[in-house]
Amino acid sequence: MAITVVLRGGSRDGDSTEVADEVSRLFAASDAPGLLDVYEATDVRAAVRGNEERAVVFEWVGQESTEGIAPEAIHMPPAH
C-alpha cells in the first residue's frame, strides 16, 4: 500500500511523493553535487493540497554520498 509523504527541510523542502507504507527513510536528489538529502519518517501528519488524507512528514536528517545508491531508490524533484 502506498502513502503520501511530505518532505521538510533540505533542498526538497515541501515536495510530496508516494512511497510504500513500510518506508521509513527516503533519499532525495540534492542541490549538492554527488550528495543525496536523507529524510526520515516522523509521527507528524500534514495536509497536502489535493489530497484528502494527511501526509506523513519526513524530516531532513542530513546528506549522504550517492555512491552505492540505486537510481530508482532516489526521490527526484518534480519537472518544471
PDB file of N, CA and C in Angstrom:
ATOM      1  N   MET A   1       0.830  -1.171   0.000  1.00  0.00           N
ATOM      2  CA  MET A   1       0.000   0.000   0.000  1.00  0.00           C
ATOM      3  C   MET A   1       0.886   1.248   0.000  1.00  0.00           C
ATOM      4  N   ALA A   2       0.497   2.266  -0.738  1.00  0.00           N
ATOM      5  CA  ALA A   2       1.269   3.500  -0.826  1.00  0.00           C
ATOM      6  C   ALA A   2       0.683   4.565   0.093  1.00  0.00           C
ATOM      7  N   ILE A   3       1.574   5.386   0.633  1.00  0.00           N
ATOM      8  CA  ILE A   3       1.163   6.524   1.455  1.00  0.00           C
ATOM      9  C   ILE A   3       1.778   7.786   0.852  1.00  0.00           C
ATOM     10  N   THR A   4       1.148   8.911   1.114  1.00  0.00           N
ATOM     11  CA  THR A   4       1.689  10.188   0.681  1.00  0.00           C
ATOM     12  C   THR A   4       2.578  10.731   1.790  1.00  0.00           C
ATOM     13  N   VAL A   5       3.755  11.230   1.399  1.00  0.00           N
ATOM     14  CA  VAL A   5       4.666  11.852   2.354  1.00  0.00           C
ATOM     15  C   VAL A   5       5.010  13.250   1.865  1.00  0.00           C
ATOM     16  N   VAL A   6       5.338  14.115   2.820  1.00  0.00           N
ATOM     17  CA  VAL A   6       5.793  15.463   2.502  1.00  0.00           C
ATOM     18  C   VAL A   6       7.154  15.646   3.169  1.00  0.00           C
ATOM     19  N   LEU A   7       8.095  16.228   2.426  1.00  0.00           N
ATOM     20  CA  LEU A   7       9.461  16.401   2.911  1.00  0.00           C
ATOM     21  C   LEU A   7       9.614  17.765   3.575  1.00  0.00           C
ATOM     22  N   ARG A   8      10.289  17.786   4.718  1.00  0.00           N
ATOM     23  CA  ARG A   8      10.527  19.030   5.461  1.00  0.00           C
ATOM     24  C   ARG A   8      12.026  19.215   5.641  1.00  0.00           C
ATOM     25  N   GLY A   9      12.525  20.369   5.209  1.00  0.00           N
ATOM     26  CA  GLY A   9      13.941  20.685   5.330  1.00  0.00           C
ATOM     27  C   GLY A   9      14.711  20.247   4.093  1.00  0.00           C
ATOM     28  N   GLY A  10      16.009  20.538   4.075  1.00  0.00           N
ATOM     29  CA  GLY A  10      16.848  20.152   2.940  1.00  0.00           C
ATOM     30  C   GLY A  10      16.429  20.838   1.657  1.00  0.00           C
ATOM     31  N   SER A  11      17.018  20.409   0.556  1.00  0.00           N
ATOM     32  CA  SER A  11      16.744  21.053  -0.735  1.00  0.00           C
ATOM     33  C   SER A  11      15.410  20.644  -1.341  1.00  0.00           C
ATOM     34  N   ARG A  12      14.741  19.642  -0.821  1.00  0.00           N
ATOM     35  CA  ARG A  12      13.443  19.206  -1.343  1.00  0.00           C
ATOM     36  C   ARG A  12      12.293  19.625  -0.429  1.00  0.00           C
ATOM     37  N   ASP A  13      12.532  20.586   0.449  1.00  0.00           N
ATOM     38  CA  ASP A  13      11.517  21.047   1.399  1.00  0.00           C
ATOM     39  C   ASP A  13      10.199  21.356   0.698  1.00  0.00           C
ATOM     40  N   GLY A  14       9.130  20.738   1.184  1.00  0.00           N
ATOM     41  CA  GLY A  14       7.802  20.974   0.630  1.00  0.00           C
ATOM     42  C   GLY A  14       7.390  20.000  -0.461  1.00  0.00           C
ATOM     43  N   ASP A  15       8.337  19.234  -1.020  1.00  0.00           N
ATOM     44  CA  ASP A  15       7.981  18.232  -2.032  1.00  0.00           C
ATOM     45  C   ASP A  15       7.115  17.159  -1.383  1.00  0.00           C
ATOM     46  N   SER A  16       6.246  16.559  -2.171  1.00  0.00           N
ATOM     47  CA  SER A  16       5.483  15.413  -1.693  1.00  0.00           C
ATOM     48  C   SER A  16       5.592  14.309  -2.726  1.00  0.00           C
ATOM     49  N   THR A  17       5.412  13.082  -2.259  1.00  0.00           N
ATOM     50  CA  THR A  17       5.501  11.919  -3.125  1.00  0.00           C
ATOM     51  C   THR A  17       4.767  10.769  -2.462  1.00  0.00           C
ATOM     52  N   GLU A  18       4.643   9.664  -3.163  1.00  0.00           N
ATOM     53  CA  GLU A  18       4.057   8.454  -2.590  1.00  0.00           C
ATOM     54  C   GLU A  18       5.151   7.412  -2.421  1.00  0.00           C
ATOM     55  N   VAL A  19       5.104   6.705  -1.307  1.00  0.00           N
ATOM     56  CA  VAL A  19       6.045   5.627  -1.028  1.00  0.00           C
ATOM     57  C   VAL A  19       5.276   4.453  -0.443  1.00  0.00           C
ATOM     58  N   ALA A  20       5.898   3.283  -0.446  1.00  0.00           N
ATOM     59  CA  ALA A  20       5.297   2.120   0.215  1.00  0.00           C
ATOM     60  C   ALA A  20       5.195   2.421   1.707  1.00  0.00           C
ATOM     61  N   ASP A  21       4.135   1.942   2.345  1.00  0.00           N
ATOM     62  CA  ASP A  21       3.906   2.302   3.747  1.00  0.00           C
ATOM     63  C   ASP A  21       4.985   1.810   4.700  1.00  0.00           C
ATOM     64  N   GLU A  22       5.822   0.868   4.288  1.00  0.00           N
ATOM     65  CA  GLU A  22       6.891   0.395   5.172  1.00  0.00           C
ATOM     66  C   GLU A  22       8.162   1.249   5.080  1.00  0.00           C
ATOM     67  N   VAL A  23       8.202   2.231   4.166  1.00  0.00           N
ATOM     68  CA  VAL A  23       9.377   3.091   4.009  1.00  0.00           C
ATOM     69  C   VAL A  23       9.478   4.023   5.209  1.00  0.00           C
ATOM     70  N   SER A  24      10.671   4.076   5.815  1.00  0.00           N
ATOM     71  CA  SER A  24      10.891   4.978   6.951  1.00  0.00           C
ATOM     72  C   SER A  24      12.050   5.937   6.695  1.00  0.00           C
ATOM     73  N   ARG A  25      12.785   5.707   5.601  1.00  0.00           N
ATOM     74  CA  ARG A  25      13.930   6.549   5.231  1.00  0.00           C
ATOM     75  C   ARG A  25      13.883   6.776   3.744  1.00  0.00           C
ATOM     76  N   LEU A  26      14.070   8.034   3.335  1.00  0.00           N
ATOM     77  CA  LEU A  26      13.951   8.384   1.927  1.00  0.00           C
ATOM     78  C   LEU A  26      15.188   9.162   1.490  1.00  0.00           C
ATOM     79  N   PHE A  27      15.731   8.795   0.319  1.00  0.00           N
ATOM     80  CA  PHE A  27      16.847   9.518  -0.273  1.00  0.00           C
ATOM     81  C   PHE A  27      16.291  10.390  -1.391  1.00  0.00           C
ATOM     82  N   ALA A  28      16.667  11.674  -1.390  1.00  0.00           N
ATOM     83  CA  ALA A  28      16.150  12.604  -2.391  1.00  0.00           C
ATOM     84  C   ALA A  28      17.311  13.329  -3.066  1.00  0.00           C
ATOM     85  N   ALA A  29      17.134  13.622  -4.358  1.00  0.00           N
ATOM     86  CA  ALA A  29      18.141  14.369  -5.097  1.00  0.00           C
ATOM     87  C   ALA A  29      18.418  15.678  -4.365  1.00  0.00           C
ATOM     88  N   SER A  30      19.692  16.006  -4.224  1.00  0.00           N
ATOM     89  CA  SER A  30      20.113  17.206  -3.513  1.00  0.00           C
ATOM     90  C   SER A  30      20.637  18.245  -4.498  1.00  0.00           C
ATOM     91  N   ASP A  31      20.690  19.495  -4.062  1.00  0.00           N
ATOM     92  CA  ASP A  31      21.322  20.537  -4.867  1.00  0.00           C
ATOM     93  C   ASP A  31      22.841  20.404  -4.847  1.00  0.00           C
ATOM     94  N   ALA A  32      23.370  19.676  -3.873  1.00  0.00           N
ATOM     95  CA  ALA A  32      24.816  19.490  -3.740  1.00  0.00           C
ATOM     96  C   ALA A  32      25.269  18.338  -4.635  1.00  0.00           C
ATOM     97  N   PRO A  33      26.220  18.580  -5.547  1.00  0.00           N
ATOM     98  CA  PRO A  33      26.695  17.519  -6.441  1.00  0.00           C
ATOM     99  C   PRO A  33      27.236  16.312  -5.672  1.00  0.00           C
ATOM    100  N   GLY A  34      26.809  15.122  -6.092  1.00  0.00           N
ATOM    101  CA  GLY A  34      27.296  13.878  -5.506  1.00  0.00           C
ATOM    102  C   GLY A  34      26.697  13.513  -4.164  1.00  0.00           C
ATOM    103  N   LEU A  35      25.734  14.305  -3.688  1.00  0.00           N
ATOM    104  CA  LEU A  35      25.113  14.019  -2.394  1.00  0.00           C
ATOM    105  C   LEU A  35      23.608  13.855  -2.538  1.00  0.00           C
ATOM    106  N   LEU A  36      23.040  13.137  -1.596  1.00  0.00           N
ATOM    107  CA  LEU A  36      21.592  12.970  -1.507  1.00  0.00           C
ATOM    108  C   LEU A  36      21.118  13.523  -0.177  1.00  0.00           C
ATOM    109  N   ASP A  37      19.965  14.184  -0.180  1.00  0.00           N
ATOM    110  CA  ASP A  37      19.331  14.567   1.072  1.00  0.00           C
ATOM    111  C   ASP A  37      18.669  13.320   1.651  1.00  0.00           C
ATOM    112  N   VAL A  38      18.789  13.137   2.946  1.00  0.00           N
ATOM    113  CA  VAL A  38      18.216  11.976   3.621  1.00  0.00           C
ATOM    114  C   VAL A  38      17.090  12.460   4.541  1.00  0.00           C
ATOM    115  N   TYR A  39      15.934  11.824   4.424  1.00  0.00           N
ATOM    116  CA  TYR A  39      14.753  12.160   5.210  1.00  0.00           C
ATOM    117  C   TYR A  39      14.290  10.922   5.962  1.00  0.00           C
ATOM    118  N   GLU A  40      13.813  11.130   7.180  1.00  0.00           N
ATOM    119  CA  GLU A  40      13.277  10.027   7.974  1.00  0.00           C
ATOM    120  C   GLU A  40      11.852  10.337   8.423  1.00  0.00           C
ATOM    121  N   ALA A  41      11.040   9.287   8.482  1.00  0.00           N
ATOM    122  CA  ALA A  41       9.635   9.416   8.863  1.00  0.00           C
ATOM    123  C   ALA A  41       9.507   9.904  10.301  1.00  0.00           C
ATOM    124  N   THR A  42       8.461  10.694  10.522  1.00  0.00           N
ATOM    125  CA  THR A  42       8.126  11.157  11.868  1.00  0.00           C
ATOM    126  C   THR A  42       6.700  10.708  12.186  1.00  0.00           C
ATOM    127  N   ASP A  43       6.240  11.024  13.373  1.00  0.00           N
ATOM    128  CA  ASP A  43       4.856  10.731  13.758  1.00  0.00           C
ATOM    129  C   ASP A  43       3.924  11.872  13.385  1.00  0.00           C
ATOM    130  N   VAL A  44       4.468  12.919  12.767  1.00  0.00           N
ATOM    131  CA  VAL A  44       3.701  14.113  12.415  1.00  0.00           C
ATOM    132  C   VAL A  44       2.972  13.894  11.091  1.00  0.00           C
ATOM    133  N   ARG A  45       1.771  14.431  10.983  1.00  0.00           N
ATOM    134  CA  ARG A  45       0.977  14.395   9.751  1.00  0.00           C
ATOM    135  C   ARG A  45       0.710  15.828   9.318  1.00  0.00           C
ATOM    136  N   ALA A  46       0.625  16.057   8.005  1.00  0.00           N
ATOM    137  CA  ALA A  46       0.388  17.403   7.483  1.00  0.00           C
ATOM    138  C   ALA A  46      -0.524  17.337   6.274  1.00  0.00           C
ATOM    139  N   ALA A  47      -1.289  18.400   6.090  1.00  0.00           N
ATOM    140  CA  ALA A  47      -2.162  18.496   4.922  1.00  0.00           C
ATOM    141  C   ALA A  47      -1.314  18.771   3.686  1.00  0.00           C
ATOM    142  N   VAL A  48      -1.682  18.120   2.577  1.00  0.00           N
ATOM    143  CA  VAL A  48      -1.044  18.350   1.286  1.00  0.00           C
ATOM    144  C   VAL A  48      -2.147  18.696   0.306  1.00  0.00           C
ATOM    145  N   ARG A  49      -2.009  19.825  -0.368  1.00  0.00           N
ATOM    146  CA  ARG A  49      -3.042  20.281  -1.302  1.00  0.00           C
ATOM    147  C   ARG A  49      -3.371  19.188  -2.318  1.00  0.00           C
ATOM    148  N   GLY A  50      -4.650  18.948  -2.510  1.00  0.00           N
ATOM    149  CA  GLY A  50      -5.113  17.963  -3.472  1.00  0.00           C
ATOM    150  C   GLY A  50      -5.302  16.571  -2.899  1.00  0.00           C
ATOM    151  N   ASN A  51      -4.917  16.369  -1.642  1.00  0.00           N
ATOM    152  CA  ASN A  51      -5.062  15.058  -1.011  1.00  0.00           C
ATOM    153  C   ASN A  51      -6.067  15.140   0.123  1.00  0.00           C
ATOM    154  N   GLU A  52      -6.928  14.138   0.213  1.00  0.00           N
ATOM    155  CA  GLU A  52      -7.889  14.094   1.312  1.00  0.00           C
ATOM    156  C   GLU A  52      -7.223  13.647   2.609  1.00  0.00           C
ATOM    157  N   GLU A  53      -6.321  12.664   2.511  1.00  0.00           N
ATOM    158  CA  GLU A  53      -5.633  12.163   3.705  1.00  0.00           C
ATOM    159  C   GLU A  53      -4.409  13.006   4.001  1.00  0.00           C
ATOM    160  N   ARG A  54      -4.115  13.165   5.281  1.00  0.00           N
ATOM    161  CA  ARG A  54      -2.918  13.904   5.682  1.00  0.00           C
ATOM    162  C   ARG A  54      -1.684  13.062   5.379  1.00  0.00           C
ATOM    163  N   ALA A  55      -0.613  13.739   4.988  1.00  0.00           N
ATOM    164  CA  ALA A  55       0.630  13.068   4.608  1.00  0.00           C
ATOM    165  C   ALA A  55       1.532  12.862   5.819  1.00  0.00           C
ATOM    166  N   VAL A  56       2.346  11.828   5.771  1.00  0.00           N
ATOM    167  CA  VAL A  56       3.366  11.595   6.788  1.00  0.00           C
ATOM    168  C   VAL A  56       4.512  12.575   6.519  1.00  0.00           C
ATOM    169  N   VAL A  57       4.964  13.265   7.548  1.00  0.00           N
ATOM    170  CA  VAL A  57       6.076  14.197   7.400  1.00  0.00           C
ATOM    171  C   VAL A  57       7.386  13.440   7.546  1.00  0.00           C
ATOM    172  N   PHE A  58       8.258  13.605   6.558  1.00  0.00           N
ATOM    173  CA  PHE A  58       9.611  13.071   6.605  1.00  0.00           C
ATOM    174  C   PHE A  58      10.550  14.256   6.810  1.00  0.00           C
ATOM    175  N   GLU A  59      11.322  14.253   7.902  1.00  0.00           N
ATOM    176  CA  GLU A  59      12.230  15.347   8.249  1.00  0.00           C
ATOM    177  C   GLU A  59      13.625  15.085   7.690  1.00  0.00           C
ATOM    178  N   TRP A  60      14.264  16.165   7.228  1.00  0.00           N
ATOM    179  CA  TRP A  60      15.639  16.104   6.736  1.00  0.00           C
ATOM    180  C   TRP A  60      16.571  15.806   7.898  1.00  0.00           C
ATOM    181  N   VAL A  61      17.448  14.795   7.732  1.00  0.00           N
ATOM    182  CA  VAL A  61      18.378  14.419   8.791  1.00  0.00           C
ATOM    183  C   VAL A  61      19.830  14.566   8.373  1.00  0.00           C
ATOM    184  N   GLY A  62      20.076  14.954   7.127  1.00  0.00           N
ATOM    185  CA  GLY A  62      21.456  15.140   6.676  1.00  0.00           C
ATOM    186  C   GLY A  62      21.625  14.736   5.229  1.00  0.00           C
ATOM    187  N   GLN A  63      22.884  14.527   4.848  1.00  0.00           N
ATOM    188  CA  GLN A  63      23.197  14.144   3.477  1.00  0.00           C
ATOM    189  C   GLN A  63      24.128  12.945   3.468  1.00  0.00           C
ATOM    190  N   GLU A  64      24.052  12.169   2.381  1.00  0.00           N
ATOM    191  CA  GLU A  64      24.933  11.027   2.172  1.00  0.00           C
ATOM    192  C   GLU A  64      25.394  11.038   0.724  1.00  0.00           C
ATOM    193  N   SER A  65      26.491  10.365   0.473  1.00  0.00           N
ATOM    194  CA  SER A  65      27.019  10.239  -0.883  1.00  0.00           C
ATOM    195  C   SER A  65      26.067   9.413  -1.743  1.00  0.00           C
ATOM    196  N   THR A  66      26.030   9.711  -3.038  1.00  0.00           N
ATOM    197  CA  THR A  66      25.221   8.935  -3.976  1.00  0.00           C
ATOM    198  C   THR A  66      25.826   7.565  -4.252  1.00  0.00           C
ATOM    199  N   GLU A  67      27.063   7.373  -3.873  1.00  0.00           N
ATOM    200  CA  GLU A  67      27.761   6.113  -4.138  1.00  0.00           C
ATOM    201  C   GLU A  67      27.033   4.928  -3.504  1.00  0.00           C
ATOM    202  N   GLY A  68      26.731   3.943  -4.320  1.00  0.00           N
ATOM    203  CA  GLY A  68      26.089   2.727  -3.838  1.00  0.00           C
ATOM    204  C   GLY A  68      24.571   2.801  -3.723  1.00  0.00           C
ATOM    205  N   ILE A  69      23.965   3.930  -4.066  1.00  0.00           N
ATOM    206  CA  ILE A  69      22.508   4.063  -4.005  1.00  0.00           C
ATOM    207  C   ILE A  69      21.944   3.872  -5.411  1.00  0.00           C
ATOM    208  N   ALA A  70      21.033   2.924  -5.562  1.00  0.00           N
ATOM    209  CA  ALA A  70      20.419   2.675  -6.866  1.00  0.00           C
ATOM    210  C   ALA A  70      19.583   3.879  -7.288  1.00  0.00           C
ATOM    211  N   PRO A  71      19.675   4.300  -8.554  1.00  0.00           N
ATOM    212  CA  PRO A  71      18.915   5.467  -9.019  1.00  0.00           C
ATOM    213  C   PRO A  71      17.408   5.363  -8.766  1.00  0.00           C
ATOM    214  N   GLU A  72      16.846   4.169  -8.845  1.00  0.00           N
ATOM    215  CA  GLU A  72      15.404   4.017  -8.639  1.00  0.00           C
ATOM    216  C   GLU A  72      15.015   4.199  -7.167  1.00  0.00           C
ATOM    217  N   ALA A  73      15.993   4.252  -6.264  1.00  0.00           N
ATOM    218  CA  ALA A  73      15.719   4.452  -4.847  1.00  0.00           C
ATOM    219  C   ALA A  73      15.731   5.928  -4.463  1.00  0.00           C
ATOM    220  N   ILE A  74      15.921   6.811  -5.445  1.00  0.00           N
ATOM    221  CA  ILE A  74      16.051   8.237  -5.168  1.00  0.00           C
ATOM    222  C   ILE A  74      14.789   8.984  -5.590  1.00  0.00           C
ATOM    223  N   HIS A  75      14.252   9.800  -4.672  1.00  0.00           N
ATOM    224  CA  HIS A  75      13.110  10.681  -4.986  1.00  0.00           C
ATOM    225  C   HIS A  75      13.641  11.846  -5.797  1.00  0.00           C
ATOM    226  N   MET A  76      13.178  11.994  -7.017  1.00  0.00           N
ATOM    227  CA  MET A  76      13.623  13.078  -7.878  1.00  0.00           C
ATOM    228  C   MET A  76      12.675  14.268  -7.765  1.00  0.00           C
ATOM    229  N   PRO A  77      13.218  15.486  -7.924  1.00  0.00           N
ATOM    230  CA  PRO A  77      12.351  16.664  -7.846  1.00  0.00           C
ATOM    231  C   PRO A  77      11.383  16.680  -9.024  1.00  0.00           C
ATOM    232  N   PRO A  78      10.236  17.355  -8.858  1.00  0.00           N
ATOM    233  CA  PRO A  78       9.266  17.410  -9.951  1.00  0.00           C
ATOM    234  C   PRO A  78       9.823  18.202 -11.138  1.00  0.00           C
ATOM    235  N   ALA A  79       9.452  17.795 -12.338  1.00  0.00           N
ATOM    236  CA  ALA A  79       9.887  18.514 -13.536  1.00  0.00           C
ATOM    237  C   ALA A  79       9.083  19.800 -13.650  1.00  0.00           C
ATOM    238  N   HIS A  80       9.761  20.884 -13.992  1.00  0.00           N
ATOM    239  CA  HIS A  80       9.078  22.182 -14.134  1.00  0.00           C
ATOM    240  C   HIS A  80       9.029  22.593 -15.580  1.00  0.00           C
TER     241      HIS A  80
END
